[in-house]
Protein backbone atom coordinates (compact mmCIF):
# COMPACT_ATOMS: atom_id res chain seq x y z
CA UNK A 1 40.35 118.98 49.02
CA UNK A 2 36.94 117.53 48.29
CA UNK A 3 34.52 119.48 46.11
CA UNK A 4 30.75 119.05 45.77
CA UNK A 5 29.65 116.14 43.57
CA UNK A 6 33.30 115.11 43.15
CA UNK A 7 34.03 117.95 40.72
CA UNK A 8 37.59 119.17 40.15
CA UNK A 9 36.87 122.73 41.35
CA UNK A 10 34.49 124.58 43.64
CA UNK A 11 31.63 126.51 42.08
CA UNK A 12 31.49 130.29 42.46
CA UNK A 13 29.19 131.72 45.14
CA UNK A 14 25.47 131.57 44.29
CA UNK A 15 25.98 128.64 41.88
CA UNK A 16 25.04 124.99 42.31
CA UNK A 17 27.45 122.13 41.69
CA UNK A 18 26.18 119.23 39.59
CA UNK A 19 27.50 116.15 37.86
CA UNK A 20 25.68 113.92 35.39
CA UNK A 21 27.18 110.54 34.54
CA UNK A 22 25.84 108.58 31.59
CA UNK A 23 25.33 104.85 31.92
CA UNK A 24 27.01 102.15 29.85
CA UNK A 25 24.37 99.91 28.28
CA UNK A 26 22.88 97.79 31.06
CA UNK A 27 26.20 97.32 32.85
CA UNK A 28 26.67 100.67 34.62
CA UNK A 29 23.69 102.85 35.43
CA UNK A 30 23.59 106.64 35.13
CA UNK A 31 23.67 109.00 38.08
CA UNK A 32 22.73 112.60 38.75
CA UNK A 33 24.35 114.57 41.58
CA UNK A 34 23.14 118.07 42.46
CA UNK A 35 24.65 120.26 45.20
CA UNK A 36 26.42 117.22 46.71
CA UNK A 37 23.24 115.08 46.87
CA UNK A 38 22.79 112.01 44.69
CA UNK A 39 19.34 112.47 43.17
CA UNK A 40 19.25 109.45 40.86
CA UNK A 41 21.46 106.35 40.75
CA UNK A 42 21.37 102.57 40.52
CA UNK A 43 22.11 102.43 44.27
CA UNK A 44 18.91 104.40 44.95
CA UNK A 45 17.10 102.15 42.45
CA UNK A 46 15.33 105.12 40.84
CA UNK A 47 16.73 105.04 37.30
CA UNK A 48 15.51 103.38 34.15
CA UNK A 49 16.53 102.86 30.57
CA UNK A 50 16.27 105.90 28.37
CA UNK A 51 16.47 109.49 29.57
CA UNK A 52 16.65 110.03 33.33
CA UNK A 53 15.66 113.57 34.24
CA UNK A 54 15.60 115.49 37.53
CA UNK A 55 13.75 118.80 37.78
CA UNK A 56 15.33 121.08 40.38
CA UNK A 57 14.25 124.51 41.61
CA UNK A 58 16.92 126.92 40.34
CA UNK A 59 16.48 129.27 43.31
CA UNK A 60 16.77 126.98 46.32
CA UNK A 61 18.08 123.76 44.78
CA UNK A 62 15.20 121.56 45.99
CA UNK A 63 14.25 118.51 43.93
CA UNK A 64 10.80 119.03 42.41
CA UNK A 65 10.33 115.93 40.28
CA UNK A 66 12.24 113.14 38.62
CA UNK A 67 11.34 110.67 35.96
CA UNK A 68 12.48 108.33 33.23
CA UNK A 69 11.54 108.50 29.57
CA UNK A 70 11.97 105.15 27.80
CA UNK A 71 13.06 106.15 24.30
CA UNK A 72 13.39 102.53 23.14
CA UNK A 73 9.82 101.34 23.60
CA UNK A 74 8.32 104.71 22.76
């Protein structure tokens, strides 16, 4: 069976599934999946170097804001 965001198990009722995958240097980009929707990935071309963050409403699961913080250049 397939589970949300490719996780090994289903989440309990009233919980959101998520999966965060770290990138590997500049070879493989990071990705953020929330409730079976890819929010950020190299395919969507909305990631950058540093910390990639997605702000999600904890009640309804809607994406509020996303951004990248470049920790290398300050």
